[in-house]
């Protein structure tokens, strides 16, 4: 079955950096688009970054220029490099996988990112 396991979250000071990882198993990773979404307390989940199976990336306006999504198809892993973190980036970050042939999303369990001094 599809399994997505996120890691790399934690507590970081404003202006700091973190790199999130999402290891995928049970799928043909090269045929999946991958994304990162986040959900802060009391707010709806929002997509922050998305990368197609061919490597084309898109970002939410709130993270453009600060976050970078990239993937390693040999390792079945997608990453989210986060820089210049702000307190408003505090959320649970979820990895998402979508096959290119079907509109269905698979989600990981999430990893907490807290930006605070």
Protein backbone atom coordinates (compact mmCIF):
# COMPACT_ATOMS: atom_id res chain seq x y z
CA UNK A 1 0.00 0.00 0.00
CA UNK A 2 1.01 3.64 -0.33
CA UNK A 3 3.06 4.90 2.57
CA UNK A 4 4.42 8.41 3.02
CA UNK A 5 6.66 9.11 6.00
CA UNK A 6 7.62 12.70 6.80
CA UNK A 7 10.56 13.74 8.93
CA UNK A 8 12.63 16.81 9.70
CA UNK A 9 10.16 18.95 11.60
CA UNK A 10 10.98 20.68 14.86
CA UNK A 11 11.39 23.95 16.69
CA UNK A 12 13.33 26.72 14.96
CA UNK A 13 13.84 30.40 15.61
CA UNK A 14 12.48 33.04 13.23
CA UNK A 15 14.84 33.44 10.31
CA UNK A 16 16.07 29.88 10.62
CA UNK A 17 15.93 26.95 8.24
CA UNK A 18 14.60 23.42 8.20
CA UNK A 19 14.49 20.67 5.62
CA UNK A 20 11.56 18.31 5.57
CA UNK A 21 11.77 14.88 3.95
CA UNK A 22 9.04 12.55 2.76
CA UNK A 23 9.98 8.97 1.98
CA UNK A 24 7.47 7.17 -0.23
CA UNK A 25 6.93 3.45 -0.58
CA UNK A 26 4.39 1.25 -2.29
CA UNK A 27 4.24 3.45 -5.39
CA UNK A 28 6.06 3.97 -8.67
CA UNK A 29 7.45 7.26 -7.42
CA UNK A 30 8.44 8.56 -10.85
CA UNK A 31 4.78 8.48 -11.91
CA UNK A 32 3.54 10.58 -9.03
CA UNK A 33 3.30 14.31 -8.55
CA UNK A 34 4.30 15.27 -5.02
CA UNK A 35 3.39 18.12 -2.75
CA UNK A 36 3.63 19.63 0.69
CA UNK A 37 0.65 21.11 2.47
CA UNK A 38 0.36 22.60 5.93
CA UNK A 39 -2.32 23.13 8.49
CA UNK A 40 -2.11 25.59 11.34
CA UNK A 41 -4.43 25.37 14.36
CA UNK A 42 -7.89 26.65 13.49
CA UNK A 43 -7.04 27.04 9.80
CA UNK A 44 -7.69 25.07 6.66
CA UNK A 45 -5.00 22.93 5.11
CA UNK A 46 -3.17 24.81 2.37
CA UNK A 47 -0.89 23.59 -0.39
CA UNK A 48 2.49 25.30 -0.10
CA UNK A 49 4.56 23.56 -2.76
CA UNK A 50 4.03 21.07 -5.55
CA UNK A 51 6.37 19.28 -7.92
CA UNK A 52 5.30 17.28 -10.94
CA UNK A 53 6.75 13.91 -11.82
CA UNK A 54 8.84 15.70 -14.46
CA UNK A 55 10.25 18.15 -11.90
CA UNK A 56 8.22 21.31 -12.51
CA UNK A 57 7.61 23.13 -9.22
CA UNK A 58 4.99 25.59 -8.03
CA UNK A 59 4.65 27.49 -4.76
CA UNK A 60 2.09 29.35 -2.74
CA UNK A 61 2.70 33.09 -2.76
CA UNK A 62 3.32 33.02 0.98
CA UNK A 63 6.44 30.85 0.59
CA UNK A 64 7.84 31.87 -2.80
CA UNK A 65 11.50 32.73 -2.57
CA UNK A 66 11.84 31.07 0.83
CA UNK A 67 10.85 27.42 0.25
CA UNK A 68 12.20 25.00 -2.32
CA UNK A 69 10.66 21.66 -3.20
CA UNK A 70 12.73 19.02 -4.94
CA UNK A 71 12.67 15.30 -5.43
CA UNK A 72 15.08 12.40 -5.69
CA UNK A 73 13.44 9.71 -7.78
CA UNK A 74 16.26 7.27 -7.07
CA UNK A 75 15.53 7.56 -3.34
CA UNK A 76 11.72 7.85 -3.65
CA UNK A 77 11.93 11.00 -1.57
CA UNK A 78 10.62 14.53 -1.84
CA UNK A 79 12.09 17.38 0.16
CA UNK A 80 10.99 20.80 1.28
CA UNK A 81 13.84 23.17 2.06
CA UNK A 82 12.51 26.02 4.17
CA UNK A 83 14.51 29.20 4.78
CA UNK A 84 13.82 32.55 6.42
CA UNK A 85 11.14 30.91 8.51
CA UNK A 86 8.48 33.07 10.10
CA UNK A 87 6.17 32.42 13.06
CA UNK A 88 3.28 32.21 10.60
CA UNK A 89 4.94 29.16 9.02
CA UNK A 90 4.13 27.25 12.20
CA UNK A 91 1.92 24.31 11.24
CA UNK A 92 1.76 20.59 10.76
CA UNK A 93 3.29 19.85 7.37
CA UNK A 94 1.90 16.99 5.32
CA UNK A 95 3.37 15.22 2.33
CA UNK A 96 1.02 14.41 -0.54
CA UNK A 97 1.32 12.04 -3.48
CA UNK A 98 -0.93 12.04 -6.54
CA UNK A 99 -0.59 9.62 -9.46
CA UNK A 100 -0.40 11.36 -12.82
CA UNK A 101 -3.26 9.26 -14.19
CA UNK A 102 -5.79 9.79 -11.41
CA UNK A 103 -7.15 12.55 -9.16
CA UNK A 104 -6.57 10.86 -5.83
CA UNK A 105 -4.32 12.07 -3.06
CA UNK A 106 -2.36 10.04 -0.56
CA UNK A 107 -1.20 11.73 2.62
CA UNK A 108 1.48 11.22 5.21
CA UNK A 109 0.94 11.52 8.93
CA UNK A 110 2.43 15.00 9.16
CA UNK A 111 5.37 16.59 10.92
CA UNK A 112 5.18 19.58 13.24
CA UNK A 113 7.10 22.75 12.42
CA UNK A 114 7.18 25.44 15.08
CA UNK A 115 8.81 28.80 14.46
CA UNK A 116 9.28 30.67 17.70
CA UNK A 117 11.88 32.52 19.68
